Amino acid sequence: MNPILVAYASLALAIVCEVTGSSLLQKSEQFSRFLPSLASGLCFVAALFFLSHALKVIPLGIAYAIWAGVGIVLTAIIGVVVFRFTLDAAALIGMALIVSGVIVINVFSRSAVH
């Protein structure tokens, strides 16, 4: 199997685990509820495991930019859909700028793995 494809799949799994862990933090009520707290911790451990595999191929800065950009957007979506948070125009513009930066890195940077 193509190592680049495996690396990006590992990064995607890392992002999903991190976003899940972050969402469970909200449900843990400051670690006062055992099961959401335990699940959150396990998700973060899994996220770091998958990120470490992605870093075998993807440079750290590139992987972290993708992790942060996608993670911010997914976490914001979960916040709006699940927790009924609201996002103002500044939040949406800021997220759009972050996503734009990740796209620029992946499309134009020679540092990114293609």
PDB file of N, CA and C in Angstrom:
ATOM      1  N   MET A   1       0.843  -1.182   0.000  1.00  0.00           N
ATOM      2  CA  MET A   1       0.000   0.000   0.000  1.00  0.00           C
ATOM      3  C   MET A   1       0.887   1.244   0.000  1.00  0.00           C
ATOM      4  N   ASN A   2       0.407   2.289  -0.629  1.00  0.00           N
ATOM      5  CA  ASN A   2       1.137   3.535  -0.759  1.00  0.00           C
ATOM      6  C   ASN A   2       1.370   4.173   0.613  1.00  0.00           C
ATOM      7  N   PRO A   3       2.645   4.417   0.991  1.00  0.00           N
ATOM      8  CA  PRO A   3       2.934   4.974   2.321  1.00  0.00           C
ATOM      9  C   PRO A   3       2.325   6.368   2.549  1.00  0.00           C
ATOM     10  N   ILE A   4       2.198   7.152   1.497  1.00  0.00           N
ATOM     11  CA  ILE A   4       1.597   8.481   1.646  1.00  0.00           C
ATOM     12  C   ILE A   4       0.113   8.336   1.984  1.00  0.00           C
ATOM     13  N   LEU A   5      -0.555   7.411   1.307  1.00  0.00           N
ATOM     14  CA  LEU A   5      -1.968   7.167   1.583  1.00  0.00           C
ATOM     15  C   LEU A   5      -2.168   6.670   3.012  1.00  0.00           C
ATOM     16  N   VAL A   6      -1.297   5.768   3.455  1.00  0.00           N
ATOM     17  CA  VAL A   6      -1.369   5.256   4.830  1.00  0.00           C
ATOM     18  C   VAL A   6      -1.134   6.383   5.835  1.00  0.00           C
ATOM     19  N   ALA A   7      -0.183   7.257   5.536  1.00  0.00           N
ATOM     20  CA  ALA A   7       0.121   8.375   6.439  1.00  0.00           C
ATOM     21  C   ALA A   7      -1.069   9.319   6.555  1.00  0.00           C
ATOM     22  N   TYR A   8      -1.691   9.653   5.429  1.00  0.00           N
ATOM     23  CA  TYR A   8      -2.839  10.555   5.492  1.00  0.00           C
ATOM     24  C   TYR A   8      -4.055   9.879   6.123  1.00  0.00           C
ATOM     25  N   ALA A   9      -4.197   8.580   5.929  1.00  0.00           N
ATOM     26  CA  ALA A   9      -5.274   7.848   6.609  1.00  0.00           C
ATOM     27  C   ALA A   9      -5.031   7.854   8.123  1.00  0.00           C
ATOM     28  N   SER A  10      -3.776   7.665   8.525  1.00  0.00           N
ATOM     29  CA  SER A  10      -3.429   7.720   9.952  1.00  0.00           C
ATOM     30  C   SER A  10      -3.700   9.111  10.516  1.00  0.00           C
ATOM     31  N   LEU A  11      -3.372  10.131   9.744  1.00  0.00           N
ATOM     32  CA  LEU A  11      -3.639  11.505  10.184  1.00  0.00           C
ATOM     33  C   LEU A  11      -5.143  11.737  10.321  1.00  0.00           C
ATOM     34  N   ALA A  12      -5.919  11.232   9.383  1.00  0.00           N
ATOM     35  CA  ALA A  12      -7.378  11.377   9.465  1.00  0.00           C
ATOM     36  C   ALA A  12      -7.919  10.688  10.713  1.00  0.00           C
ATOM     37  N   LEU A  13      -7.422   9.494  11.005  1.00  0.00           N
ATOM     38  CA  LEU A  13      -7.850   8.791  12.221  1.00  0.00           C
ATOM     39  C   LEU A  13      -7.437   9.569  13.472  1.00  0.00           C
ATOM     40  N   ALA A  14      -6.242  10.145  13.438  1.00  0.00           N
ATOM     41  CA  ALA A  14      -5.780  10.951  14.574  1.00  0.00           C
ATOM     42  C   ALA A  14      -6.706  12.139  14.801  1.00  0.00           C
ATOM     43  N   ILE A  15      -7.114  12.779  13.720  1.00  0.00           N
ATOM     44  CA  ILE A  15      -8.004  13.945  13.828  1.00  0.00           C
ATOM     45  C   ILE A  15      -9.361  13.524  14.384  1.00  0.00           C
ATOM     46  N   VAL A  16      -9.902  12.422  13.878  1.00  0.00           N
ATOM     47  CA  VAL A  16     -11.200  11.948  14.364  1.00  0.00           C
ATOM     48  C   VAL A  16     -11.119  11.614  15.850  1.00  0.00           C
ATOM     49  N   CYS A  17     -10.047  10.949  16.257  1.00  0.00           N
ATOM     50  CA  CYS A  17      -9.887  10.606  17.679  1.00  0.00           C
ATOM     51  C   CYS A  17      -9.745  11.856  18.535  1.00  0.00           C
ATOM     52  N   GLU A  18      -8.994  12.834  18.058  1.00  0.00           N
ATOM     53  CA  GLU A  18      -8.790  14.062  18.831  1.00  0.00           C
ATOM     54  C   GLU A  18     -10.088  14.854  18.956  1.00  0.00           C
ATOM     55  N   VAL A  19     -10.831  14.960  17.873  1.00  0.00           N
ATOM     56  CA  VAL A  19     -12.099  15.688  17.899  1.00  0.00           C
ATOM     57  C   VAL A  19     -13.093  14.966  18.814  1.00  0.00           C
ATOM     58  N   THR A  20     -13.112  13.658  18.740  1.00  0.00           N
ATOM     59  CA  THR A  20     -13.985  12.878  19.628  1.00  0.00           C
ATOM     60  C   THR A  20     -13.589  13.091  21.085  1.00  0.00           C
ATOM     61  N   GLY A  21     -12.288  13.020  21.360  1.00  0.00           N
ATOM     62  CA  GLY A  21     -11.813  13.250  22.725  1.00  0.00           C
ATOM     63  C   GLY A  21     -12.156  14.640  23.225  1.00  0.00           C
ATOM     64  N   SER A  22     -12.014  15.636  22.376  1.00  0.00           N
ATOM     65  CA  SER A  22     -12.356  17.006  22.763  1.00  0.00           C
ATOM     66  C   SER A  22     -13.847  17.149  23.030  1.00  0.00           C
ATOM     67  N   SER A  23     -14.649  16.508  22.214  1.00  0.00           N
ATOM     68  CA  SER A  23     -16.099  16.564  22.412  1.00  0.00           C
ATOM     69  C   SER A  23     -16.492  15.869  23.711  1.00  0.00           C
ATOM     70  N   LEU A  24     -15.813  14.776  24.019  1.00  0.00           N
ATOM     71  CA  LEU A  24     -16.103  14.072  25.268  1.00  0.00           C
ATOM     72  C   LEU A  24     -15.670  14.868  26.493  1.00  0.00           C
ATOM     73  N   LEU A  25     -14.697  15.768  26.322  1.00  0.00           N
ATOM     74  CA  LEU A  25     -14.315  16.638  27.438  1.00  0.00           C
ATOM     75  C   LEU A  25     -15.513  17.449  27.908  1.00  0.00           C
ATOM     76  N   GLN A  26     -16.299  17.927  26.941  1.00  0.00           N
ATOM     77  CA  GLN A  26     -17.500  18.691  27.292  1.00  0.00           C
ATOM     78  C   GLN A  26     -18.457  17.824  28.103  1.00  0.00           C
ATOM     79  N   LYS A  27     -18.583  16.574  27.721  1.00  0.00           N
ATOM     80  CA  LYS A  27     -19.493  15.653  28.417  1.00  0.00           C
ATOM     81  C   LYS A  27     -18.935  15.191  29.761  1.00  0.00           C
ATOM     82  N   SER A  28     -17.621  15.297  29.959  1.00  0.00           N
ATOM     83  CA  SER A  28     -17.022  14.813  31.209  1.00  0.00           C
ATOM     84  C   SER A  28     -17.303  15.738  32.389  1.00  0.00           C
ATOM     85  N   GLU A  29     -17.767  16.947  32.099  1.00  0.00           N
ATOM     86  CA  GLU A  29     -18.056  17.944  33.136  1.00  0.00           C
ATOM     87  C   GLU A  29     -16.864  18.126  34.072  1.00  0.00           C
ATOM     88  N   GLN A  30     -15.770  18.580  33.482  1.00  0.00           N
ATOM     89  CA  GLN A  30     -14.506  18.827  34.192  1.00  0.00           C
ATOM     90  C   GLN A  30     -13.998  17.560  34.895  1.00  0.00           C
ATOM     91  N   PHE A  31     -14.072  16.447  34.208  1.00  0.00           N
ATOM     92  CA  PHE A  31     -13.614  15.136  34.684  1.00  0.00           C
ATOM     93  C   PHE A  31     -14.369  14.652  35.921  1.00  0.00           C
ATOM     94  N   SER A  32     -15.591  15.132  36.100  1.00  0.00           N
ATOM     95  CA  SER A  32     -16.388  14.662  37.231  1.00  0.00           C
ATOM     96  C   SER A  32     -17.247  13.451  36.865  1.00  0.00           C
ATOM     97  N   ARG A  33     -17.347  13.131  35.594  1.00  0.00           N
ATOM     98  CA  ARG A  33     -18.078  11.946  35.147  1.00  0.00           C
ATOM     99  C   ARG A  33     -17.061  10.943  34.613  1.00  0.00           C
ATOM    100  N   PHE A  34     -17.052   9.753  35.174  1.00  0.00           N
ATOM    101  CA  PHE A  34     -15.998   8.773  34.913  1.00  0.00           C
ATOM    102  C   PHE A  34     -15.938   8.313  33.459  1.00  0.00           C
ATOM    103  N   LEU A  35     -17.042   7.818  32.924  1.00  0.00           N
ATOM    104  CA  LEU A  35     -16.994   7.221  31.581  1.00  0.00           C
ATOM    105  C   LEU A  35     -16.615   8.219  30.486  1.00  0.00           C
ATOM    106  N   PRO A  36     -17.217   9.409  30.435  1.00  0.00           N
ATOM    107  CA  PRO A  36     -16.766  10.365  29.417  1.00  0.00           C
ATOM    108  C   PRO A  36     -15.306  10.785  29.618  1.00  0.00           C
ATOM    109  N   SER A  37     -14.866  10.869  30.871  1.00  0.00           N
ATOM    110  CA  SER A  37     -13.470  11.222  31.144  1.00  0.00           C
ATOM    111  C   SER A  37     -12.526  10.139  30.651  1.00  0.00           C
ATOM    112  N   LEU A  38     -12.846   8.885  30.956  1.00  0.00           N
ATOM    113  CA  LEU A  38     -12.031   7.755  30.497  1.00  0.00           C
ATOM    114  C   LEU A  38     -12.011   7.682  28.977  1.00  0.00           C
ATOM    115  N   ALA A  39     -13.171   7.810  28.358  1.00  0.00           N
ATOM    116  CA  ALA A  39     -13.247   7.749  26.899  1.00  0.00           C
ATOM    117  C   ALA A  39     -12.461   8.883  26.258  1.00  0.00           C
ATOM    118  N   SER A  40     -12.530  10.063  26.849  1.00  0.00           N
ATOM    119  CA  SER A  40     -11.772  11.200  26.337  1.00  0.00           C
ATOM    120  C   SER A  40     -10.272  10.914  26.376  1.00  0.00           C
ATOM    121  N   GLY A  41      -9.796  10.414  27.503  1.00  0.00           N
ATOM    122  CA  GLY A  41      -8.376  10.077  27.625  1.00  0.00           C
ATOM    123  C   GLY A  41      -7.940   9.022  26.622  1.00  0.00           C
ATOM    124  N   LEU A  42      -8.760   8.009  26.440  1.00  0.00           N
ATOM    125  CA  LEU A  42      -8.435   6.954  25.473  1.00  0.00           C
ATOM    126  C   LEU A  42      -8.403   7.503  24.044  1.00  0.00           C
ATOM    127  N   CYS A  43      -9.317   8.408  23.743  1.00  0.00           N
ATOM    128  CA  CYS A  43      -9.321   9.027  22.416  1.00  0.00           C
ATOM    129  C   CYS A  43      -8.054   9.839  22.182  1.00  0.00           C
ATOM    130  N   PHE A  44      -7.607  10.569  23.204  1.00  0.00           N
ATOM    131  CA  PHE A  44      -6.381  11.362  23.051  1.00  0.00           C
ATOM    132  C   PHE A  44      -5.157  10.471  22.880  1.00  0.00           C
ATOM    133  N   VAL A  45      -5.112   9.360  23.602  1.00  0.00           N
ATOM    134  CA  VAL A  45      -4.002   8.410  23.438  1.00  0.00           C
ATOM    135  C   VAL A  45      -4.016   7.837  22.025  1.00  0.00           C
ATOM    136  N   ALA A  46      -5.197   7.451  21.544  1.00  0.00           N
ATOM    137  CA  ALA A  46      -5.309   6.918  20.189  1.00  0.00           C
ATOM    138  C   ALA A  46      -4.918   7.979  19.161  1.00  0.00           C
ATOM    139  N   ALA A  47      -5.319   9.226  19.395  1.00  0.00           N
ATOM    140  CA  ALA A  47      -4.965  10.307  18.476  1.00  0.00           C
ATOM    141  C   ALA A  47      -3.449  10.455  18.359  1.00  0.00           C
ATOM    142  N   LEU A  48      -2.760  10.421  19.485  1.00  0.00           N
ATOM    143  CA  LEU A  48      -1.297  10.543  19.450  1.00  0.00           C
ATOM    144  C   LEU A  48      -0.645   9.326  18.791  1.00  0.00           C
ATOM    145  N   PHE A  49      -1.230   8.149  19.007  1.00  0.00           N
ATOM    146  CA  PHE A  49      -0.724   6.938  18.355  1.00  0.00           C
ATOM    147  C   PHE A  49      -0.811   7.082  16.832  1.00  0.00           C
ATOM    148  N   PHE A  50      -1.993   7.462  16.335  1.00  0.00           N
ATOM    149  CA  PHE A  50      -2.153   7.594  14.887  1.00  0.00           C
ATOM    150  C   PHE A  50      -1.327   8.748  14.336  1.00  0.00           C
ATOM    151  N   LEU A  51      -1.214   9.840  15.083  1.00  0.00           N
ATOM    152  CA  LEU A  51      -0.379  10.959  14.639  1.00  0.00           C
ATOM    153  C   LEU A  51       1.073  10.515  14.516  1.00  0.00           C
ATOM    154  N   SER A  52       1.540   9.719  15.456  1.00  0.00           N
ATOM    155  CA  SER A  52       2.934   9.255  15.391  1.00  0.00           C
ATOM    156  C   SER A  52       3.183   8.428  14.128  1.00  0.00           C
ATOM    157  N   HIS A  53       2.193   7.673  13.697  1.00  0.00           N
ATOM    158  CA  HIS A  53       2.344   6.904  12.455  1.00  0.00           C
ATOM    159  C   HIS A  53       2.327   7.813  11.235  1.00  0.00           C
ATOM    160  N   ALA A  54       1.496   8.837  11.265  1.00  0.00           N
ATOM    161  CA  ALA A  54       1.454   9.788  10.154  1.00  0.00           C
ATOM    162  C   ALA A  54       2.788  10.513  10.013  1.00  0.00           C
ATOM    163  N   LEU A  55       3.443  10.780  11.144  1.00  0.00           N
ATOM    164  CA  LEU A  55       4.698  11.533  11.123  1.00  0.00           C
ATOM    165  C   LEU A  55       5.866  10.744  10.549  1.00  0.00           C
ATOM    166  N   LYS A  56       5.670   9.475  10.286  1.00  0.00           N
ATOM    167  CA  LYS A  56       6.714   8.694   9.604  1.00  0.00           C
ATOM    168  C   LYS A  56       6.923   9.206   8.182  1.00  0.00           C
ATOM    169  N   VAL A  57       5.870   9.806   7.597  1.00  0.00           N
ATOM    170  CA  VAL A  57       5.924  10.260   6.206  1.00  0.00           C
ATOM    171  C   VAL A  57       5.676  11.764   6.078  1.00  0.00           C
ATOM    172  N   ILE A  58       4.721  12.272   6.832  1.00  0.00           N
ATOM    173  CA  ILE A  58       4.328  13.682   6.716  1.00  0.00           C
ATOM    174  C   ILE A  58       5.166  14.511   7.677  1.00  0.00           C
ATOM    175  N   PRO A  59       5.785  15.605   7.198  1.00  0.00           N
ATOM    176  CA  PRO A  59       6.551  16.469   8.104  1.00  0.00           C
ATOM    177  C   PRO A  59       5.675  17.005   9.236  1.00  0.00           C
ATOM    178  N   LEU A  60       6.259  17.174  10.415  1.00  0.00           N
ATOM    179  CA  LEU A  60       5.527  17.584  11.606  1.00  0.00           C
ATOM    180  C   LEU A  60       4.715  18.854  11.393  1.00  0.00           C
ATOM    181  N   GLY A  61       5.309  19.885  10.833  1.00  0.00           N
ATOM    182  CA  GLY A  61       4.606  21.153  10.648  1.00  0.00           C
ATOM    183  C   GLY A  61       3.400  21.019   9.737  1.00  0.00           C
ATOM    184  N   ILE A  62       3.533  20.226   8.694  1.00  0.00           N
ATOM    185  CA  ILE A  62       2.435  20.019   7.756  1.00  0.00           C
ATOM    186  C   ILE A  62       1.325  19.215   8.433  1.00  0.00           C
ATOM    187  N   ALA A  63       1.715  18.134   9.097  1.00  0.00           N
ATOM    188  CA  ALA A  63       0.725  17.292   9.784  1.00  0.00           C
ATOM    189  C   ALA A  63      -0.017  18.101  10.838  1.00  0.00           C
ATOM    190  N   TYR A  64       0.713  18.923  11.581  1.00  0.00           N
ATOM    191  CA  TYR A  64       0.070  19.685  12.648  1.00  0.00           C
ATOM    192  C   TYR A  64      -0.849  20.761  12.086  1.00  0.00           C
ATOM    193  N   ALA A  65      -0.474  21.355  10.956  1.00  0.00           N
ATOM    194  CA  ALA A  65      -1.341  22.354  10.327  1.00  0.00           C
ATOM    195  C   ALA A  65      -2.653  21.709   9.884  1.00  0.00           C
ATOM    196  N   ILE A  66      -2.560  20.536   9.283  1.00  0.00           N
ATOM    197  CA  ILE A  66      -3.774  19.829   8.852  1.00  0.00           C
ATOM    198  C   ILE A  66      -4.588  19.427  10.070  1.00  0.00           C
ATOM    199  N   TRP A  67      -3.923  18.852  11.070  1.00  0.00           N
ATOM    200  CA  TRP A  67      -4.576  18.430  12.316  1.00  0.00           C
ATOM    201  C   TRP A  67      -5.351  19.601  12.924  1.00  0.00           C
ATOM    202  N   ALA A  68      -4.680  20.740  13.047  1.00  0.00           N
ATOM    203  CA  ALA A  68      -5.298  21.904  13.683  1.00  0.00           C
ATOM    204  C   ALA A  68      -6.453  22.451  12.849  1.00  0.00           C
ATOM    205  N   GLY A  69      -6.230  22.624  11.559  1.00  0.00           N
ATOM    206  CA  GLY A  69      -7.266  23.195  10.706  1.00  0.00           C
ATOM    207  C   GLY A  69      -8.517  22.343  10.641  1.00  0.00           C
ATOM    208  N   VAL A  70      -8.339  21.065  10.354  1.00  0.00           N
ATOM    209  CA  VAL A  70      -9.497  20.173  10.258  1.00  0.00           C
ATOM    210  C   VAL A  70     -10.130  19.983  11.636  1.00  0.00           C
ATOM    211  N   GLY A  71      -9.284  19.857  12.658  1.00  0.00           N
ATOM    212  CA  GLY A  71      -9.799  19.673  14.015  1.00  0.00           C
ATOM    213  C   GLY A  71     -10.637  20.849  14.489  1.00  0.00           C
ATOM    214  N   ILE A  72     -10.199  22.053  14.187  1.00  0.00           N
ATOM    215  CA  ILE A  72     -10.949  23.249  14.588  1.00  0.00           C
ATOM    216  C   ILE A  72     -12.314  23.271  13.919  1.00  0.00           C
ATOM    217  N   VAL A  73     -12.338  23.004  12.640  1.00  0.00           N
ATOM    218  CA  VAL A  73     -13.607  23.039  11.909  1.00  0.00           C
ATOM    219  C   VAL A  73     -14.551  21.940  12.397  1.00  0.00           C
ATOM    220  N   LEU A  74     -14.043  20.716  12.534  1.00  0.00           N
ATOM    221  CA  LEU A  74     -14.899  19.619  12.996  1.00  0.00           C
ATOM    222  C   LEU A  74     -15.398  19.856  14.418  1.00  0.00           C
ATOM    223  N   THR A  75     -14.525  20.349  15.284  1.00  0.00           N
ATOM    224  CA  THR A  75     -14.933  20.626  16.658  1.00  0.00           C
ATOM    225  C   THR A  75     -15.992  21.732  16.694  1.00  0.00           C
ATOM    226  N   ALA A  76     -15.827  22.740  15.863  1.00  0.00           N
ATOM    227  CA  ALA A  76     -16.828  23.810  15.802  1.00  0.00           C
ATOM    228  C   ALA A  76     -18.165  23.277  15.300  1.00  0.00           C
ATOM    229  N   ILE A  77     -18.132  22.411  14.296  1.00  0.00           N
ATOM    230  CA  ILE A  77     -19.372  21.824  13.779  1.00  0.00           C
ATOM    231  C   ILE A  77     -20.063  21.007  14.865  1.00  0.00           C
ATOM    232  N   ILE A  78     -19.302  20.203  15.581  1.00  0.00           N
ATOM    233  CA  ILE A  78     -19.881  19.411  16.674  1.00  0.00           C
ATOM    234  C   ILE A  78     -20.439  20.336  17.755  1.00  0.00           C
ATOM    235  N   GLY A  79     -19.734  21.404  18.052  1.00  0.00           N
ATOM    236  CA  GLY A  79     -20.218  22.361  19.038  1.00  0.00           C
ATOM    237  C   GLY A  79     -21.562  22.950  18.653  1.00  0.00           C
ATOM    238  N   VAL A  80     -21.709  23.274  17.382  1.00  0.00           N
ATOM    239  CA  VAL A  80     -22.966  23.857  16.910  1.00  0.00           C
ATOM    240  C   VAL A  80     -24.073  22.806  16.872  1.00  0.00           C
ATOM    241  N   VAL A  81     -23.783  21.637  16.316  1.00  0.00           N
ATOM    242  CA  VAL A  81     -24.817  20.615  16.116  1.00  0.00           C
ATOM    243  C   VAL A  81     -25.196  19.911  17.421  1.00  0.00           C
ATOM    244  N   VAL A  82     -24.181  19.496  18.183  1.00  0.00           N
ATOM    245  CA  VAL A  82     -24.453  18.684  19.373  1.00  0.00           C
ATOM    246  C   VAL A  82     -24.714  19.540  20.607  1.00  0.00           C
ATOM    247  N   PHE A  83     -23.871  20.545  20.824  1.00  0.00           N
ATOM    248  CA  PHE A  83     -23.953  21.327  22.058  1.00  0.00           C
ATOM    249  C   PHE A  83     -24.707  22.649  21.897  1.00  0.00           C
ATOM    250  N   ARG A  84     -25.181  22.919  20.687  1.00  0.00           N
ATOM    251  CA  ARG A  84     -25.988  24.109  20.400  1.00  0.00           C
ATOM    252  C   ARG A  84     -25.252  25.421  20.659  1.00  0.00           C
ATOM    253  N   PHE A  85     -23.930  25.426  20.439  1.00  0.00           N
ATOM    254  CA  PHE A  85     -23.167  26.658  20.542  1.00  0.00           C
ATOM    255  C   PHE A  85     -23.433  27.492  19.290  1.00  0.00           C
ATOM    256  N   THR A  86     -23.180  28.779  19.375  1.00  0.00           N
ATOM    257  CA  THR A  86     -23.332  29.638  18.204  1.00  0.00           C
ATOM    258  C   THR A  86     -21.973  30.208  17.824  1.00  0.00           C
ATOM    259  N   LEU A  87     -21.796  30.436  16.544  1.00  0.00           N
ATOM    260  CA  LEU A  87     -20.561  31.023  16.023  1.00  0.00           C
ATOM    261  C   LEU A  87     -20.895  32.365  15.391  1.00  0.00           C
ATOM    262  N   ASP A  88     -20.125  33.382  15.747  1.00  0.00           N
ATOM    263  CA  ASP A  88     -20.355  34.684  15.140  1.00  0.00           C
ATOM    264  C   ASP A  88     -19.505  34.819  13.878  1.00  0.00           C
ATOM    265  N   ALA A  89     -19.642  35.943  13.212  1.00  0.00           N
ATOM    266  CA  ALA A  89     -18.944  36.165  11.943  1.00  0.00           C
ATOM    267  C   ALA A  89     -17.424  36.099  12.131  1.00  0.00           C
ATOM    268  N   ALA A  90     -16.912  36.641  13.215  1.00  0.00           N
ATOM    269  CA  ALA A  90     -15.469  36.623  13.447  1.00  0.00           C
ATOM    270  C   ALA A  90     -14.946  35.189  13.580  1.00  0.00           C
ATOM    271  N   ALA A  91     -15.704  34.334  14.259  1.00  0.00           N
ATOM    272  CA  ALA A  91     -15.296  32.934  14.403  1.00  0.00           C
ATOM    273  C   ALA A  91     -15.279  32.246  13.049  1.00  0.00           C
ATOM    274  N   LEU A  92     -16.291  32.485  12.252  1.00  0.00           N
ATOM    275  CA  LEU A  92     -16.360  31.856  10.925  1.00  0.00           C
ATOM    276  C   LEU A  92     -15.244  32.358  10.007  1.00  0.00           C
ATOM    277  N   ILE A  93     -14.970  33.655  10.061  1.00  0.00           N
ATOM    278  CA  ILE A  93     -13.880  34.214   9.247  1.00  0.00           C
ATOM    279  C   ILE A  93     -12.544  33.645   9.696  1.00  0.00           C
ATOM    280  N   GLY A  94     -12.330  33.568  10.997  1.00  0.00           N
ATOM    281  CA  GLY A  94     -11.084  33.008  11.513  1.00  0.00           C
ATOM    282  C   GLY A  94     -10.885  31.566  11.080  1.00  0.00           C
ATOM    283  N   MET A  95     -11.943  30.767  11.172  1.00  0.00           N
ATOM    284  CA  MET A  95     -11.832  29.372  10.727  1.00  0.00           C
ATOM    285  C   MET A  95     -11.575  29.289   9.230  1.00  0.00           C
ATOM    286  N   ALA A  96     -12.208  30.166   8.458  1.00  0.00           N
ATOM    287  CA  ALA A  96     -11.973  30.177   7.011  1.00  0.00           C
ATOM    288  C   ALA A  96     -10.516  30.516   6.699  1.00  0.00           C
ATOM    289  N   LEU A  97      -9.933  31.430   7.458  1.00  0.00           N
ATOM    290  CA  LEU A  97      -8.523  31.776   7.261  1.00  0.00           C
ATOM    291  C   LEU A  97      -7.610  30.599   7.602  1.00  0.00           C
ATOM    292  N   ILE A  98      -7.927  29.878   8.666  1.00  0.00           N
ATOM    293  CA  ILE A  98      -7.131  28.710   9.048  1.00  0.00           C
ATOM    294  C   ILE A  98      -7.207  27.644   7.961  1.00  0.00           C
ATOM    295  N   VAL A  99      -8.410  27.359   7.493  1.00  0.00           N
ATOM    296  CA  VAL A  99      -8.583  26.362   6.435  1.00  0.00           C
ATOM    297  C   VAL A  99      -7.864  26.817   5.165  1.00  0.00           C
ATOM    298  N   SER A 100      -7.948  28.103   4.846  1.00  0.00           N
ATOM    299  CA  SER A 100      -7.241  28.636   3.678  1.00  0.00           C
ATOM    300  C   SER A 100      -5.740  28.417   3.810  1.00  0.00           C
ATOM    301  N   GLY A 101      -5.211  28.639   4.999  1.00  0.00           N
ATOM    302  CA  GLY A 101      -3.784  28.414   5.224  1.00  0.00           C
ATOM    303  C   GLY A 101      -3.392  26.965   5.028  1.00  0.00           C
ATOM    304  N   VAL A 102      -4.209  26.054   5.505  1.00  0.00           N
ATOM    305  CA  VAL A 102      -3.925  24.624   5.323  1.00  0.00           C
ATOM    306  C   VAL A 102      -3.958  24.268   3.844  1.00  0.00           C
ATOM    307  N   ILE A 103      -4.915  24.821   3.114  1.00  0.00           N
ATOM    308  CA  ILE A 103      -4.997  24.560   1.673  1.00  0.00           C
ATOM    309  C   ILE A 103      -3.766  25.102   0.965  1.00  0.00           C
ATOM    310  N   VAL A 104      -3.349  26.318   1.297  1.00  0.00           N
ATOM    311  CA  VAL A 104      -2.154  26.910   0.677  1.00  0.00           C
ATOM    312  C   VAL A 104      -0.935  26.035   0.940  1.00  0.00           C
ATOM    313  N   ILE A 105      -0.781  25.579   2.173  1.00  0.00           N
ATOM    314  CA  ILE A 105       0.357  24.717   2.497  1.00  0.00           C
ATOM    315  C   ILE A 105       0.333  23.452   1.643  1.00  0.00           C
ATOM    316  N   ASN A 106      -0.818  22.816   1.552  1.00  0.00           N
ATOM    317  CA  ASN A 106      -0.892  21.538   0.854  1.00  0.00           C
ATOM    318  C   ASN A 106      -0.827  21.664  -0.659  1.00  0.00           C
ATOM    319  N   VAL A 107      -1.266  22.785  -1.191  1.00  0.00           N
ATOM    320  CA  VAL A 107      -1.268  22.950  -2.648  1.00  0.00           C
ATOM    321  C   VAL A 107       0.050  23.548  -3.144  1.00  0.00           C
ATOM    322  N   PHE A 108       0.594  24.501  -2.412  1.00  0.00           N
ATOM    323  CA  PHE A 108       1.722  25.254  -2.931  1.00  0.00           C
ATOM    324  C   PHE A 108       3.066  24.976  -2.259  1.00  0.00           C
ATOM    325  N   SER A 109       3.082  24.424  -1.084  1.00  0.00           N
ATOM    326  CA  SER A 109       4.347  24.236  -0.382  1.00  0.00           C
ATOM    327  C   SER A 109       5.081  22.999  -0.887  1.00  0.00           C
ATOM    328  N   ARG A 110       6.387  23.147  -1.044  1.00  0.00           N
ATOM    329  CA  ARG A 110       7.202  21.985  -1.399  1.00  0.00           C
ATOM    330  C   ARG A 110       7.518  21.129  -0.173  1.00  0.00           C
ATOM    331  N   SER A 111       7.171  21.643   1.014  1.00  0.00           N
ATOM    332  CA  SER A 111       7.376  20.881   2.247  1.00  0.00           C
ATOM    333  C   SER A 111       6.336  19.777   2.415  1.00  0.00           C
ATOM    334  N   ALA A 112       5.154  19.984   1.824  1.00  0.00           N
ATOM    335  CA  ALA A 112       4.070  19.006   1.955  1.00  0.00           C
ATOM    336  C   ALA A 112       4.382  17.766   1.134  1.00  0.00           C
ATOM    337  N   VAL A 113       3.944  16.626   1.651  1.00  0.00           N
ATOM    338  CA  VAL A 113       4.130  15.364   0.941  1.00  0.00           C
ATOM    339  C   VAL A 113       2.963  15.166  -0.012  1.00  0.00           C
ATOM    340  N   HIS A 114       3.269  14.948  -1.279  1.00  0.00           N
ATOM    341  CA  HIS A 114       2.190  14.755  -2.278  1.00  0.00           C
ATOM    342  C   HIS A 114       2.321  13.408  -2.932  1.00  0.00           C
TER     343      HIS A 114
END
